[in-house]
Protein backbone atom coordinates (compact mmCIF):
# COMPACT_ATOMS: atom_id res chain seq x y z
CA MET A 1 140.21 292.20 99.16
CA LYS A 2 137.25 290.72 97.27
CA LEU A 3 135.48 293.08 94.87
CA ALA A 4 131.97 292.44 93.53
CA PHE A 5 130.50 294.14 90.49
CA SER A 6 126.93 293.97 89.14
CA VAL A 7 125.38 295.17 85.89
CA ALA A 8 122.21 297.21 86.40
CA LYS A 9 119.19 296.97 84.10
CA LYS A 10 118.13 300.08 82.20
CA SER A 11 115.28 300.62 84.65
CA ASP A 12 117.51 300.30 87.77
CA ALA A 13 118.38 303.45 89.70
CA PRO A 14 122.09 304.28 89.84
CA SER A 15 123.60 302.92 93.05
CA SER A 16 126.51 305.35 93.65
CA PRO A 17 127.34 309.03 93.09
CA ALA A 18 129.69 308.07 90.28
CA MET A 19 127.05 305.91 88.61
CA ARG A 20 124.43 308.63 89.08
CA THR A 21 126.78 311.08 87.35
CA SER A 22 127.20 308.65 84.48
CA ALA A 23 123.41 308.29 84.20
CA LYS A 24 123.02 312.06 84.13
CA TYR A 25 125.41 312.31 81.18
CA ARG A 26 123.45 309.60 79.38
CA SER A 27 120.13 311.43 79.85
CA LEU A 28 121.52 314.73 78.62
CA ALA A 29 123.24 313.30 75.55
CA ARG A 30 120.64 311.36 73.59
CA PRO A 31 122.31 310.11 70.41
CA ALA A 32 121.28 312.19 67.35
CA SER A 33 123.77 310.54 65.07
CA SER A 34 126.36 307.79 65.01
CA GLU A 35 129.05 310.39 65.69
CA SER A 36 127.34 311.62 68.88
CA GLU A 37 126.65 308.05 69.89
CA GLY A 38 130.36 307.25 69.64
CA TRP A 39 131.20 310.37 71.65
CA CYS A 40 128.80 309.33 74.44
CA THR A 41 130.19 305.82 74.44
CA ALA A 42 133.66 307.24 74.88
CA LEU A 43 132.47 309.40 77.79
CA HIS A 44 130.81 306.38 79.32
CA ALA A 45 134.02 304.34 79.01
CA MET A 46 136.05 307.14 80.54
CA ALA A 47 133.66 307.34 83.50
CA ILE A 48 133.91 303.60 84.06
CA LEU A 49 137.70 303.76 83.88
CA ALA A 50 137.69 306.58 86.43
CA ILE A 51 135.54 304.47 88.76
CA LEU A 52 137.82 301.46 88.36
CA ALA A 53 140.88 303.62 89.00
CA SER A 54 139.31 304.97 92.20
CA VAL A 55 138.44 301.47 93.37
CA ALA A 56 141.97 300.26 92.62
CA ALA A 57 143.46 303.16 94.57
CA LEU A 58 141.17 302.39 97.50
CA CYS A 59 142.16 298.73 97.42
CA ALA A 60 145.85 299.65 97.31
CA ALA A 61 145.43 301.96 100.29
CA CYS A 62 143.63 299.25 102.27
CA LEU A 63 146.25 296.66 101.39
CA SER A 64 149.01 299.10 102.34
CA ALA A 65 147.40 299.71 105.73
CA ALA A 66 147.00 295.98 106.27
CA ALA A 67 150.64 295.44 105.37
CA GLU A 68 151.67 298.12 107.85
CA HIS A 69 149.72 296.34 110.58
CA ARG A 70 151.37 293.03 109.67
CA VAL A 71 154.80 294.58 110.14
CA ALA A 72 154.05 296.62 113.25
CA ALA A 73 151.78 294.14 115.06
CA PRO A 74 153.72 291.19 116.46
CA ALA A 75 151.55 288.14 117.12
CA ILE A 76 151.96 288.22 120.89
CA PHE A 77 148.49 288.20 122.46
CA ASP A 78 146.87 286.17 119.67
CA SER A 79 148.21 284.07 116.81
CA ASP A 80 146.57 286.44 114.33
CA PRO A 81 148.74 289.57 113.95
CA HIS A 82 145.62 291.47 112.83
CA HIS A 83 143.91 290.82 116.17
CA ILE A 84 143.01 294.14 117.77
CA TRP A 85 145.10 293.38 120.87
CA ASN A 86 148.18 292.86 118.69
CA ARG A 87 147.50 295.93 116.59
CA THR A 88 146.94 298.11 119.64
CA TYR A 89 150.11 296.83 121.24
CA GLY A 90 152.03 297.35 118.00
CA CYS A 91 150.79 300.93 117.64
CA LEU A 92 151.93 301.76 121.15
CA PHE A 93 155.15 299.77 121.56
CA VAL A 94 156.80 299.38 118.15
CA ARG A 95 159.07 302.20 116.97
CA LYS A 96 160.52 302.61 113.50
CA SER A 97 163.92 304.14 112.78
CA ALA A 98 164.80 306.32 109.81
CA ASP A 99 166.04 303.31 107.85
CA GLY A 100 162.74 301.46 108.34
CA ALA A 101 163.97 299.02 111.01
CA GLU A 102 161.49 298.28 113.80
CA TYR A 103 162.26 298.06 117.51
CA GLY A 104 160.43 297.47 120.75
CA ALA A 105 158.19 294.56 119.76
CA ASP A 106 159.03 292.70 122.98
CA ALA A 107 160.76 295.45 124.95
CA LEU A 108 160.44 295.37 128.71
CA ASP A 109 159.50 299.06 128.72
CA PRO A 110 158.12 301.22 125.90
CA LEU A 111 160.66 303.15 123.84
CA LEU A 112 159.38 306.51 125.00
CA TRP A 113 161.30 309.32 126.66
CA TYR A 114 160.34 312.55 128.39
CA GLU A 115 160.92 314.53 125.18
CA THR A 116 159.19 311.98 122.93
CA ARG A 117 156.43 313.29 120.66
CA HIS A 118 155.66 309.92 119.12
CA LEU A 119 152.03 308.90 119.91
CA LEU A 120 151.25 312.58 120.51
CA THR A 121 151.58 314.04 117.02
CA SER A 122 150.94 313.24 113.35
CA ASP A 123 150.10 309.76 112.09
CA SER A 124 151.35 307.95 115.20
CA HIS A 125 148.82 309.86 117.32
CA ARG A 126 145.96 309.22 114.91
CA ARG A 127 146.80 305.52 114.63
CA ALA A 128 147.06 305.11 118.41
CA LEU A 129 143.68 306.77 118.96
CA ALA A 130 142.11 304.74 116.14
CA CYS A 131 143.35 301.45 117.59
CA LEU A 132 142.23 302.33 121.10
CA ASP A 133 138.85 303.53 119.81
CA GLU A 134 138.37 300.26 117.94
CA PHE A 135 139.41 298.32 121.03
CA LEU A 136 136.88 300.16 123.18
CA ARG A 137 134.07 300.31 120.62
CA SER A 138 134.25 296.58 119.89
CA HIS A 139 134.68 295.59 123.56
CA ALA A 140 137.85 293.78 122.59
CA GLU A 141 138.56 293.02 126.23
CA ARG A 142 136.07 290.15 125.82
CA THR A 143 138.13 288.49 123.08
CA VAL A 144 141.03 287.47 125.36
CA GLN A 145 140.08 285.81 128.64
CA ASP A 146 143.46 284.40 129.70
CA PRO A 147 144.23 286.20 133.02
CA LEU A 148 147.98 286.16 132.34
CA LYS A 149 147.62 287.90 128.97
CA ARG A 150 145.18 290.41 130.43
CA ALA A 151 147.63 291.15 133.27
CA ILE A 152 150.54 291.79 130.91
CA PHE A 153 148.39 293.84 128.52
CA GLN A 154 147.29 296.05 131.42
CA ARG A 155 150.91 296.37 132.52
CA ASP A 156 151.89 297.58 129.05
CA LEU A 157 148.99 300.02 128.68
CA TRP A 158 149.69 301.41 132.14
CA ALA A 159 153.31 302.14 131.23
CA ILE A 160 152.14 304.17 128.23
CA PHE A 161 149.60 305.99 130.40
CA ASP A 162 152.19 307.03 132.99
CA TRP A 163 154.48 308.31 130.26
CA ALA A 164 151.67 310.35 128.69
CA ALA A 165 150.70 311.70 132.12
CA ALA A 166 154.18 313.03 132.84
CA VAL A 167 154.09 316.57 134.22
CA THR A 168 154.55 318.81 131.18
CA ASP A 169 152.74 321.67 129.52
CA GLN A 170 153.43 320.42 126.00
CA LEU A 171 150.62 318.96 123.85
CA PRO A 172 148.06 318.81 126.69
CA ARG A 173 145.09 318.10 124.40
CA GLU A 174 146.82 315.20 122.66
CA ARG A 175 147.94 313.78 125.99
CA ARG A 176 144.40 313.89 127.35
CA GLU A 177 143.06 312.19 124.23
CA LEU A 178 145.50 309.35 124.73
CA GLU A 179 145.12 309.16 128.51
CA SER A 180 141.32 308.99 128.49
CA ARG A 181 141.31 306.03 126.10
CA LEU A 182 144.16 304.23 127.86
CA ALA A 183 142.44 304.61 131.22
CA LYS A 184 139.29 302.92 129.89
CA ALA A 185 141.25 300.08 128.33
CA ILE A 186 143.32 299.58 131.50
CA ARG A 187 140.14 299.25 133.52
CA ARG A 188 138.42 296.91 131.08
CA VAL A 189 141.19 294.33 131.12
CA ALA A 190 141.61 294.49 134.91
CA LEU A 191 141.40 291.23 136.84
CA THR A 192 139.51 290.44 140.00
CA PRO A 193 141.55 290.23 143.22
CA GLU A 194 141.12 286.45 143.13
CA GLN A 195 142.51 286.27 139.60
CA VAL A 196 145.49 288.42 140.56
CA ARG A 197 146.30 286.19 143.52
CA ALA A 198 146.05 283.10 141.30
CA LEU A 199 148.72 284.32 138.84
CA ARG A 200 151.74 282.06 138.74
CA ASP A 201 155.11 282.64 140.39
CA THR A 202 157.20 282.96 137.26
CA TYR A 203 160.58 282.97 139.02
CA ALA A 204 159.71 279.62 140.60
CA ALA A 205 158.60 278.39 137.18
CA ALA A 206 161.92 279.47 135.65
CA VAL A 207 163.85 277.60 138.35
CA ALA A 208 161.67 274.50 137.96
CA ALA A 209 162.34 274.43 134.23
CA GLN A 210 166.04 273.76 134.97
CA GLN A 211 167.15 275.47 131.77
CA PHE A 212 169.65 277.83 133.39
CA ALA A 213 172.78 277.30 135.44
CA ILE A 214 172.03 277.50 139.17
CA ALA A 215 175.29 279.09 140.33
CA TYR A 216 178.05 281.42 139.19
CA ASP A 217 180.89 279.58 137.50
CA PRO A 218 184.21 281.46 137.88
CA HIS A 219 185.64 279.32 135.07
CA ASN A 220 182.81 280.39 132.76
CA PRO A 221 182.00 283.91 134.02
CA ARG A 222 179.85 284.77 130.99
CA GLN A 223 177.38 281.97 131.64
CA PRO A 224 174.05 283.33 132.97
CA PHE A 225 172.80 281.73 136.18
CA LEU A 226 169.56 281.89 138.14
CA PRO A 227 169.91 281.00 141.84
CA PRO A 228 167.15 278.58 142.92
CA ASP A 229 167.41 279.67 146.58
CA LEU A 230 166.96 283.42 146.02
CA PHE A 231 163.50 283.44 147.63
CA ARG A 232 164.16 280.72 150.20
CA GLY A 233 163.36 282.11 153.62
CA ASP A 234 166.27 280.37 155.39
CA GLY A 235 168.60 280.51 152.41
CA PRO A 236 171.86 282.40 151.86
CA TRP A 237 170.21 285.40 150.24
CA LEU A 238 169.00 288.27 152.43
CA CYS A 239 166.29 290.65 151.21
CA LEU A 240 167.40 294.15 152.12
CA SER A 241 164.47 296.32 153.11
CA ALA A 242 165.09 299.75 154.56
CA HIS A 243 161.78 299.66 156.47
CA ILE A 244 161.43 303.41 155.99
CA ALA A 245 158.84 305.58 154.27
CA GLU A 246 160.08 305.00 150.71
CA PRO A 247 161.11 301.94 148.69
CA THR A 248 164.66 300.69 149.16
CA ALA A 249 165.44 300.77 145.42
CA ILE A 250 163.91 304.23 145.11
CA THR A 251 165.91 305.08 141.97
CA HIS A 252 163.97 302.43 140.06
CA PHE A 253 160.56 303.40 141.42
CA SER A 254 157.61 303.49 139.02
CA GLY A 255 154.85 302.18 141.29
CA ARG A 256 153.91 299.65 138.61
CA SER A 257 156.53 297.21 139.92
CA ARG A 258 158.10 296.32 143.21
CA PHE A 259 161.90 296.16 143.30
CA LEU A 260 163.53 293.75 145.74
CA VAL A 261 167.21 293.97 146.67
CA PHE A 262 169.08 290.83 147.78
CA ILE A 263 172.64 290.22 148.97
CA HIS A 264 174.57 286.98 149.44
CA LEU A 265 178.07 286.77 150.93
CA PRO A 266 180.18 283.70 150.09
CA GLY A 267 180.03 282.39 153.69
CA GLY A 268 176.27 281.89 153.47
CA ARG A 269 173.40 283.27 155.50
CA GLU A 270 175.27 283.72 158.79
CA GLU A 271 178.09 285.70 157.21
CA THR A 272 175.57 287.79 155.30
CA LEU A 273 173.58 288.54 158.46
CA ALA A 274 176.74 289.41 160.41
CA TYR A 275 177.94 291.80 157.71
CA VAL A 276 174.64 293.64 157.47
CA ARG A 277 174.46 293.91 161.27
CA LYS A 278 177.94 295.43 161.27
CA LEU A 279 176.98 298.04 158.68
CA ARG A 280 173.75 298.90 160.46
CA SER A 281 175.24 299.21 163.92
CA GLY A 282 178.49 300.91 162.98
CA SER A 283 179.21 304.60 163.17
CA GLU A 284 180.53 304.97 159.62
CA PRO A 285 178.06 306.63 157.22
CA PRO A 286 178.03 305.51 153.56
CA MET A 287 178.88 309.03 152.35
CA ILE A 288 180.99 311.91 153.68
CA ARG A 289 181.59 315.52 152.66
CA ASN A 290 185.02 317.04 152.12
CA ALA A 291 186.10 320.54 153.09
CA SER A 292 184.57 321.94 149.91
CA GLY A 293 181.20 320.40 150.72
CA ASN A 294 181.40 317.79 147.95
CA GLN A 295 179.84 314.42 148.69
CA LEU A 296 182.31 311.51 148.50
CA LEU A 297 182.31 307.79 149.18
CA ASN A 298 183.32 306.88 152.73
CA LEU A 299 186.18 304.44 152.17
CA ALA A 300 186.22 303.61 155.90
CA LEU A 301 182.92 301.74 155.47
CA PRO A 302 183.37 298.01 156.24
CA GLN A 303 183.87 296.14 152.97
CA PHE A 304 182.37 292.79 151.98
CA PRO A 305 184.60 290.03 150.54
CA PHE A 306 185.01 289.03 146.92
CA GLY A 307 182.54 286.33 145.93
CA THR A 308 179.65 288.47 147.21
CA GLN A 309 176.57 288.55 144.99
CA VAL A 310 173.83 291.18 144.74
CA ALA A 311 170.47 290.84 142.98
CA LEU A 312 167.65 293.20 142.01
CA VAL A 313 164.30 291.56 141.22
CA ARG A 314 161.48 293.48 139.54
CA GLN A 315 157.91 292.13 139.79
CA VAL A 316 154.60 293.35 138.38
CA ILE A 317 152.04 295.33 140.39
CA LEU A 318 148.54 295.35 138.90
CA LEU A 319 145.33 297.35 139.23
CA ASP A 320 142.36 295.14 140.02
CA ALA A 321 138.83 295.82 138.78
CA GLU A 322 138.21 298.25 141.67
CA GLY A 323 141.40 300.20 141.08
CA LYS A 324 143.34 298.70 144.00
CA LEU A 325 147.07 298.11 143.63
CA LEU A 326 147.93 294.44 144.08
CA PRO A 327 151.37 292.75 143.94
CA THR A 328 152.11 289.68 141.86
CA ALA A 329 154.95 287.20 141.51
CA LEU A 330 155.21 287.90 137.78
CA THR A 331 158.93 288.59 137.48
CA GLU A 332 159.84 291.22 134.89
CA SER A 333 163.60 291.14 135.35
CA VAL A 334 166.40 289.78 137.51
CA GLN A 335 169.72 291.62 137.60
CA LEU A 336 172.69 289.87 139.21
CA ARG A 337 176.17 291.12 140.03
CA VAL A 338 179.05 288.94 141.18
CA TYR A 339 182.19 290.50 142.71
CA HIS A 340 185.11 288.36 141.57
CA ALA A 341 187.51 290.92 143.07
CA ILE A 342 187.42 293.83 145.52
CA THR A 343 189.87 296.48 144.36
CA PRO A 344 190.49 299.44 146.70
CA GLY A 345 188.44 302.23 145.21
CA THR A 346 188.50 306.00 145.07
CA PRO A 347 186.23 308.44 146.92
CA TYR A 348 184.65 309.59 143.67
CA MET A 349 181.14 308.32 142.92
CA ASN A 350 180.38 306.24 139.80
CA TYR A 351 183.96 306.37 138.57
CA ILE A 352 183.22 304.26 135.48
CA ASN A 353 186.85 303.78 134.43
CA GLY A 354 188.21 303.65 137.96
CA PRO A 355 190.39 300.91 139.44
CA SER A 356 187.40 298.87 140.63
CA SER A 357 185.39 299.08 137.40
CA ARG A 358 186.39 295.56 136.32
CA ASP A 359 185.62 293.81 139.60
CA GLN A 360 182.13 292.59 138.72
CA ASP A 361 180.41 290.24 136.31
CA PHE A 362 176.91 291.36 135.31
CA PHE A 363 173.95 289.13 134.46
CA GLU A 364 170.33 289.81 133.63
CA PHE A 365 167.15 287.91 132.82
CA ARG A 366 164.12 289.61 131.30
CA MET A 367 160.51 288.73 130.73
CA SER A 368 159.64 287.79 127.15
CA ARG A 369 155.92 287.88 126.41
CA PRO A 370 155.92 285.05 123.84
CA GLU A 371 157.96 282.83 126.19
CA LEU A 372 155.72 283.71 129.12
CA PHE A 373 152.49 282.94 127.27
CA ALA A 374 153.96 279.71 125.91
CA GLY A 375 154.76 278.60 129.46
CA ARG A 376 158.50 278.32 128.85
CA ASN A 377 161.01 279.03 131.65
CA GLY A 378 158.64 281.34 133.49
CA GLY A 379 158.92 283.71 130.54
CA LEU A 380 162.49 284.65 131.49
CA VAL A 381 165.26 284.85 128.89
CA ALA A 382 168.92 285.60 129.53
CA VAL A 383 170.57 288.79 128.34
CA HIS A 384 173.94 287.95 126.80
CA PRO A 385 177.10 290.07 126.51
CA GLY A 386 176.80 292.25 123.45
CA ASP A 387 172.98 292.34 123.45
CA LEU A 388 171.87 295.86 122.60
CA GLU A 389 168.92 298.10 123.42
CA PHE A 390 167.78 301.71 123.34
CA ALA A 391 168.11 302.72 126.98
CA THR A 392 165.15 304.47 128.62
CA PHE A 393 166.31 304.33 132.26
CA GLN A 394 168.51 307.15 133.62
CA THR A 395 168.79 309.06 130.35
CA HIS A 396 168.54 312.76 129.51
CA GLY A 397 165.02 312.23 128.18
CA MET A 398 165.70 312.84 124.49
CA ASP A 399 164.06 310.53 121.96
CA GLU A 400 166.52 308.16 120.29
CA PHE A 401 164.29 308.03 117.19
CA ASP A 402 164.09 311.79 116.76
CA PRO A 403 166.35 312.72 113.80
CA LYS A 404 167.02 316.11 115.42
CA HIS A 405 169.05 314.43 118.15
CA ALA A 406 172.36 312.76 117.38
CA LEU A 407 172.35 310.38 120.33
CA THR A 408 174.12 307.18 121.27
CA GLY A 409 171.81 304.69 119.59
CA GLN A 410 171.65 301.19 121.02
CA THR A 411 174.01 300.36 123.86
CA ASP A 412 175.27 297.15 125.45
CA ILE A 413 172.63 296.21 128.05
CA LEU A 414 174.98 294.62 130.57
CA ARG A 415 177.69 297.27 130.30
CA ARG A 416 175.21 300.03 131.10
CA CYS A 417 175.12 298.73 134.67
CA LEU A 418 178.59 300.19 135.15
CA GLY A 419 177.10 303.66 134.90
CA CYS A 420 175.80 303.40 138.47
CA HIS A 421 177.57 300.32 139.86
CA SER A 422 181.26 300.73 139.07
CA ASP A 423 182.65 301.63 142.50
CA SER A 424 184.46 299.31 144.87
CA GLY A 425 182.42 296.58 146.56
CA ILE A 426 179.78 297.91 148.94
CA HIS A 427 180.09 301.40 147.43
CA SER A 428 178.59 300.09 144.19
CA VAL A 429 175.43 298.92 146.02
CA GLN A 430 173.40 302.10 145.69
CA SER A 431 170.53 300.88 147.87
CA ARG A 432 172.87 300.98 150.89
CA LEU A 433 171.94 304.66 151.15
CA GLN A 434 168.47 303.42 152.06
CA TRP A 435 168.83 300.19 154.00
CA MET A 436 171.72 301.41 156.17
CA LYS A 437 169.40 304.02 157.70
CA PRO A 438 167.84 303.18 161.10
CA PRO A 439 164.27 301.89 160.70
CA GLN A 440 161.34 304.00 161.77
CA PRO A 441 160.60 303.37 165.49
CA ALA A 442 156.91 302.79 164.81
CA ALA A 443 157.65 300.14 162.24
CA GLY A 444 158.79 297.55 164.75
CA GLN A 445 160.78 295.86 161.99
CA SER A 446 164.44 295.10 161.45
CA ILE A 447 166.65 294.86 158.42
CA LEU A 448 167.11 291.21 159.44
CA ASP A 449 163.43 290.31 159.52
CA ALA A 450 162.08 287.26 157.72
CA LEU A 451 161.98 287.27 153.94
CA ASP A 452 158.20 287.56 153.77
CA ALA A 453 158.20 290.55 156.12
CA SER A 454 160.78 292.41 154.04
CA ILE A 455 158.97 291.70 150.78
CA GLN A 456 155.67 292.76 152.30
CA TRP A 457 157.21 296.00 153.58
CA GLU A 458 158.63 296.82 150.15
CA THR A 459 155.26 296.07 148.56
CA ASP A 460 153.31 298.19 151.03
CA VAL A 461 155.62 301.20 150.80
CA THR A 462 155.68 300.99 146.98
CA VAL A 463 151.89 300.94 146.83
CA ALA A 464 151.60 303.81 149.32
CA HIS A 465 154.12 305.84 147.33
CA LYS A 466 152.28 305.24 144.07
CA ARG A 467 148.91 306.29 145.48
CA HIS A 468 150.23 309.81 145.96
CA GLU A 469 151.77 310.13 142.50
CA ALA A 470 150.07 312.60 140.14
CA ASP A 471 149.82 310.03 137.33
CA PHE A 472 147.97 307.57 139.57
CA GLU A 473 145.60 310.24 140.87
CA LEU A 474 144.80 311.16 137.26
CA LEU A 475 144.12 307.53 136.38
CA GLN A 476 141.81 307.15 139.36
CA SER A 477 139.92 310.33 138.47
CA LEU A 478 139.37 309.07 134.92
CA TRP A 479 138.04 305.78 136.28
CA ARG A 480 135.67 307.64 138.61
CA ALA A 481 134.46 309.87 135.76
CA GLU A 482 133.67 306.80 133.66
CA ARG A 483 131.66 305.21 136.47
CA GLU A 484 129.69 308.41 136.98
């Protein structure tokens, strides 16, 4: 910080309250003797020292705040970490643990839980509002014109908005303060429909980069692979759409992404089609109830062979400038499971340590913002065994950073999949509860329809579902209020 000082002439008016106070003392204490003159000089010196001390304290405070921004604002949307986009993102996404370590700088989802009070109380709330106010006041949306960066920034702001808009009666005023600012920022960075449609297919870009293995290697089962034919219409992978009134992967639903489920049997497309037909036309339901009324796995369900692979692809949905929900091919994550064995299971659901719990190898790729903006590998990076994270999906909603809760801390990303997918073969494919249902008669679609039809169905039903969510209705009402 550069400081400038000037010496005023005797006839100049004091330029600050402190200087005016010093002038007042000088006018009241005309020197009558050398002793009084020395006393006044001492007072004058003390006043100047007080001013300098205040200035130094102010400088230290400013430098401290700047240092905090440097730590908490990763240079993601601009090379300058002090850029308002970076600082706003840092305020909202970066969390600090009790030991001062920082997390979440490039997390797929914000480290916020249902019980979280971060961003709603104390300094974190004030800083978040200050950053958003500066963003809005300065029209910072004009400073970044790259459609890809604007799309991802909106995606991130929208995730924070939906969390703040969760149905709760706690801290309503603070939630509304945050929501109103987020809604404005989300709208200001929105793209036109043409810009949304022009966004790249990042999965295709990742495949074209040829930086990942293209197939599962049973001799190197820890090596991540990205199948190049996953989205090929006549390829071995089948997109499983339930063609009913809710998304197939309903457990993952947020409305800000579409989730696409794929399956691939080792015999290729024909074997995959035949197996799915058998499940759909058979009389065996995926679940049964015992005499006590407890729901159990139906072990009579036809089983697929070992070598079967299942994938879950998550892709961004955006809000365009008019508030319409539009799909994109910006891939946020790809989760892959390979069944190297099919062990006869038990009727108990999600039996994590059961006999079939070691039958699968798990793989995952996630979007990295710096990689995406640099144009490397479609922005996808592989998750490796032992990589850790603070889980936000399928938790009890308590904040991992709240010292009042002694929780699990970071967990192994890939091993967490076992929590829901540890049962034997087909019983570990949770979406079967959706896509094994008969399609709606009015739909005129089949589980075996073309790839594009299944993806379009999943997109349409996800968008329709989101439109009726309370958080989306609140966002739309805030947009309408701003226009009015």
